[in-house]
Amino acid sequence: MSIENLPESWVVWNEEPNGRCILAYRPDVFDTRQFPPECMPTLYLTQGTPNRPPQERRATDSWYFEFFLEPEVALPRTPRFSSRDEALEAAVALADEFDRGEVDYRSWYLVPREAYLDKLDELTGRTE
C-alpha cells in the first residue's frame, strides 16, 4: 500500500519531498461551518524523536506517524519505522482502516463530543 492507495476521503494536506507528510480526513466536513477544523482527523508522518513538539524534534534515522483526532486527542503511538516508505505505508493502511470504520476512536476521548463522534460514525460507517 502506498500514497496512491489513500482512500478518497483522505487528502494529502502537505508533503515534503523525502520528508514530513500530513494526511487529512474529510476537509470538506471539518471546514469551520459544521465542525472546527482542529477536529479534523489528521495523520502526521515525520522523522525524528516522537513525544516532542515539531520545533523540538531531533533528526534521527527513524520515522513515526501520529494520528490526531483533535489537538489533545491522539491514538496510541505507532512503532518506529526504519524508512519513510514503511511509515507512510503503515499510515495509509491506518487511514484505510479508519475510513472503513475499523478504528475505535471513541475510547480515546475523556470528554466526548457526541455530535462530532456521531458524525465520524456516519462518515466511516461505524456502528456501535
C-alpha atoms as a PDB file:
ATOM      1  CA  MET A   1       0.000   0.000   0.000  1.00  0.00           C
ATOM      2  CA  SER A   2       1.305   3.456  -0.869  1.00  0.00           C
ATOM      3  CA  ILE A   3       0.139   7.071  -1.007  1.00  0.00           C
ATOM      4  CA  GLU A   4      -1.583   6.233  -4.303  1.00  0.00           C
ATOM      5  CA  ASN A   5      -3.827   3.856  -2.301  1.00  0.00           C
ATOM      6  CA  LEU A   6      -5.016   6.587   0.067  1.00  0.00           C
ATOM      7  CA  PRO A   7      -8.826   6.388   0.378  1.00  0.00           C
ATOM      8  CA  GLU A   8     -10.728   9.187  -1.383  1.00  0.00           C
ATOM      9  CA  SER A   9     -11.924  10.540   1.981  1.00  0.00           C
ATOM     10  CA  TRP A  10      -8.301  11.378   2.875  1.00  0.00           C
ATOM     11  CA  VAL A  11      -6.196  14.048   1.192  1.00  0.00           C
ATOM     12  CA  VAL A  12      -2.505  14.775   1.193  1.00  0.00           C
ATOM     13  CA  TRP A  13      -2.541  18.068   3.058  1.00  0.00           C
ATOM     14  CA  ASN A  14       1.182  18.624   2.847  1.00  0.00           C
ATOM     15  CA  GLU A  15       4.079  16.537   1.611  1.00  0.00           C
ATOM     16  CA  GLU A  16       7.708  17.500   1.635  1.00  0.00           C
ATOM     17  CA  PRO A  17       9.929  15.531  -0.744  1.00  0.00           C
ATOM     18  CA  ASN A  18      11.542  12.779   1.340  1.00  0.00           C
ATOM     19  CA  GLY A  19      10.227  14.479   4.474  1.00  0.00           C
ATOM     20  CA  ARG A  20       7.183  15.170   6.571  1.00  0.00           C
ATOM     21  CA  CYS A  21       3.753  14.248   5.239  1.00  0.00           C
ATOM     22  CA  ILE A  22       0.348  15.279   6.586  1.00  0.00           C
ATOM     23  CA  LEU A  23      -2.795  13.379   5.644  1.00  0.00           C
ATOM     24  CA  ALA A  24      -6.182  14.941   6.446  1.00  0.00           C
ATOM     25  CA  TYR A  25      -9.595  13.286   6.685  1.00  0.00           C
ATOM     26  CA  ARG A  26     -12.582  14.950   5.013  1.00  0.00           C
ATOM     27  CA  PRO A  27     -11.551  18.614   4.973  1.00  0.00           C
ATOM     28  CA  ASP A  28     -14.913  19.262   3.301  1.00  0.00           C
ATOM     29  CA  VAL A  29     -16.647  18.377   6.591  1.00  0.00           C
ATOM     30  CA  PHE A  30     -14.158  19.848   9.074  1.00  0.00           C
ATOM     31  CA  ASP A  31     -14.345  23.283   7.481  1.00  0.00           C
ATOM     32  CA  THR A  32     -15.331  25.657  10.357  1.00  0.00           C
ATOM     33  CA  ARG A  33     -19.051  25.519   9.480  1.00  0.00           C
ATOM     34  CA  GLN A  34     -20.114  22.063  10.664  1.00  0.00           C
ATOM     35  CA  PHE A  35     -17.129  21.177  12.819  1.00  0.00           C
ATOM     36  CA  PRO A  36     -14.000  23.070  13.807  1.00  0.00           C
ATOM     37  CA  PRO A  37     -11.011  22.415  11.530  1.00  0.00           C
ATOM     38  CA  GLU A  38      -8.819  21.498  14.514  1.00  0.00           C
ATOM     39  CA  CYS A  39     -11.048  18.417  14.954  1.00  0.00           C
ATOM     40  CA  MET A  40     -10.166  17.099  11.508  1.00  0.00           C
ATOM     41  CA  PRO A  41      -8.614  13.636  11.897  1.00  0.00           C
ATOM     42  CA  THR A  42      -5.010  14.021  10.787  1.00  0.00           C
ATOM     43  CA  LEU A  43      -2.045  11.699  10.322  1.00  0.00           C
ATOM     44  CA  TYR A  44       1.372  13.339  10.774  1.00  0.00           C
ATOM     45  CA  LEU A  45       4.340  11.419   9.403  1.00  0.00           C
ATOM     46  CA  THR A  46       7.732  12.692  10.483  1.00  0.00           C
ATOM     47  CA  GLN A  47      11.320  11.747  11.029  1.00  0.00           C
ATOM     48  CA  GLY A  48      12.777  12.382  14.447  1.00  0.00           C
ATOM     49  CA  THR A  49      12.042  11.904  18.076  1.00  0.00           C
ATOM     50  CA  PRO A  50       8.373  11.411  18.957  1.00  0.00           C
ATOM     51  CA  ASN A  51       6.656  12.915  22.006  1.00  0.00           C
ATOM     52  CA  ARG A  52       8.087  16.361  21.325  1.00  0.00           C
ATOM     53  CA  PRO A  53       6.614  19.381  19.601  1.00  0.00           C
ATOM     54  CA  PRO A  54       7.751  19.595  15.949  1.00  0.00           C
ATOM     55  CA  GLN A  55      10.089  22.506  16.637  1.00  0.00           C
ATOM     56  CA  GLU A  56      11.892  20.464  19.337  1.00  0.00           C
ATOM     57  CA  ARG A  57      12.247  17.176  17.457  1.00  0.00           C
ATOM     58  CA  ARG A  58      15.725  15.951  16.718  1.00  0.00           C
ATOM     59  CA  ALA A  59      16.511  14.274  13.430  1.00  0.00           C
ATOM     60  CA  THR A  60      17.073  10.533  13.701  1.00  0.00           C
ATOM     61  CA  ASP A  61      17.136   7.635  11.286  1.00  0.00           C
ATOM     62  CA  SER A  62      13.660   6.586  12.451  1.00  0.00           C
ATOM     63  CA  TRP A  63      10.252   7.560  11.124  1.00  0.00           C
ATOM     64  CA  TYR A  64       6.992   7.830  13.065  1.00  0.00           C
ATOM     65  CA  PHE A  65       3.433   8.874  12.496  1.00  0.00           C
ATOM     66  CA  GLU A  66       0.822  10.129  14.895  1.00  0.00           C
ATOM     67  CA  PHE A  67      -2.929  10.046  14.392  1.00  0.00           C
ATOM     68  CA  PHE A  68      -4.694  13.064  15.895  1.00  0.00           C
ATOM     69  CA  LEU A  69      -8.465  13.215  16.196  1.00  0.00           C
ATOM     70  CA  GLU A  70      -8.081  16.745  17.545  1.00  0.00           C
ATOM     71  CA  PRO A  71      -5.138  18.606  19.105  1.00  0.00           C
ATOM     72  CA  GLU A  72      -5.264  16.878  22.509  1.00  0.00           C
ATOM     73  CA  VAL A  73      -6.645  13.516  21.377  1.00  0.00           C
ATOM     74  CA  ALA A  74      -4.296  11.114  19.610  1.00  0.00           C
ATOM     75  CA  LEU A  75      -4.442   7.385  19.062  1.00  0.00           C
ATOM     76  CA  PRO A  76      -1.637   5.432  20.690  1.00  0.00           C
ATOM     77  CA  ARG A  77       1.787   5.874  19.189  1.00  0.00           C
ATOM     78  CA  THR A  78       2.820   3.655  16.356  1.00  0.00           C
ATOM     79  CA  PRO A  79       6.091   1.777  16.262  1.00  0.00           C
ATOM     80  CA  ARG A  80       9.254   3.229  14.877  1.00  0.00           C
ATOM     81  CA  PHE A  81       9.946   2.584  11.208  1.00  0.00           C
ATOM     82  CA  SER A  82      13.328   2.345   9.556  1.00  0.00           C
ATOM     83  CA  SER A  83      12.252   4.188   6.411  1.00  0.00           C
ATOM     84  CA  ARG A  84       9.819   6.859   5.321  1.00  0.00           C
ATOM     85  CA  ASP A  85       8.228   4.446   2.843  1.00  0.00           C
ATOM     86  CA  GLU A  86       7.488   1.905   5.601  1.00  0.00           C
ATOM     87  CA  ALA A  87       5.980   4.583   7.855  1.00  0.00           C
ATOM     88  CA  LEU A  88       3.926   6.026   5.008  1.00  0.00           C
ATOM     89  CA  GLU A  89       2.664   2.581   4.064  1.00  0.00           C
ATOM     90  CA  ALA A  90       1.550   1.978   7.665  1.00  0.00           C
ATOM     91  CA  ALA A  91      -0.087   5.431   7.864  1.00  0.00           C
ATOM     92  CA  VAL A  92      -2.033   4.805   4.635  1.00  0.00           C
ATOM     93  CA  ALA A  93      -3.122   1.392   5.961  1.00  0.00           C
ATOM     94  CA  LEU A  94      -4.391   3.051   9.169  1.00  0.00           C
ATOM     95  CA  ALA A  95      -6.183   5.727   7.105  1.00  0.00           C
ATOM     96  CA  ASP A  96      -7.871   2.922   5.179  1.00  0.00           C
ATOM     97  CA  GLU A  97      -8.903   1.138   8.405  1.00  0.00           C
ATOM     98  CA  PHE A  98     -10.286   4.419   9.771  1.00  0.00           C
ATOM     99  CA  ASP A  99     -12.187   5.043   6.534  1.00  0.00           C
ATOM    100  CA  ARG A 100     -13.817   1.600   6.801  1.00  0.00           C
ATOM    101  CA  GLY A 101     -14.908   2.250  10.414  1.00  0.00           C
ATOM    102  CA  GLU A 102     -12.421  -0.212  11.924  1.00  0.00           C
ATOM    103  CA  VAL A 103     -10.737   2.227  14.339  1.00  0.00           C
ATOM    104  CA  ASP A 104     -12.247   2.620  17.813  1.00  0.00           C
ATOM    105  CA  TYR A 105     -11.723   6.367  18.190  1.00  0.00           C
ATOM    106  CA  ARG A 106     -14.491   6.872  20.782  1.00  0.00           C
ATOM    107  CA  SER A 107     -12.486   5.144  23.520  1.00  0.00           C
ATOM    108  CA  TRP A 108      -9.743   7.807  23.341  1.00  0.00           C
ATOM    109  CA  TYR A 109     -11.949  10.703  24.412  1.00  0.00           C
ATOM    110  CA  LEU A 110     -12.018  11.748  28.054  1.00  0.00           C
ATOM    111  CA  VAL A 111     -14.757  14.289  27.323  1.00  0.00           C
ATOM    112  CA  PRO A 112     -16.735  13.023  24.345  1.00  0.00           C
ATOM    113  CA  ARG A 113     -18.156  15.379  21.761  1.00  0.00           C
ATOM    114  CA  GLU A 114     -21.246  13.428  20.839  1.00  0.00           C
ATOM    115  CA  ALA A 115     -22.221  15.376  17.696  1.00  0.00           C
ATOM    116  CA  TYR A 116     -18.648  15.153  16.406  1.00  0.00           C
ATOM    117  CA  LEU A 117     -18.311  11.442  17.196  1.00  0.00           C
ATOM    118  CA  ASP A 118     -21.737  10.711  15.719  1.00  0.00           C
ATOM    119  CA  LYS A 119     -20.638  12.445  12.504  1.00  0.00           C
ATOM    120  CA  LEU A 120     -17.426  10.380  12.406  1.00  0.00           C
ATOM    121  CA  ASP A 121     -19.539   7.248  12.894  1.00  0.00           C
ATOM    122  CA  GLU A 122     -21.741   8.317   9.982  1.00  0.00           C
ATOM    123  CA  LEU A 123     -18.791   9.160   7.707  1.00  0.00           C
ATOM    124  CA  THR A 124     -16.924   5.940   8.424  1.00  0.00           C
ATOM    125  CA  GLY A 125     -19.963   3.653   8.532  1.00  0.00           C
ATOM    126  CA  ARG A 126     -19.025   2.700  12.080  1.00  0.00           C
ATOM    127  CA  THR A 127     -21.767   1.361  14.291  1.00  0.00           C
ATOM    128  CA  GLU A 128     -21.601   0.702  17.996  1.00  0.00           C
END
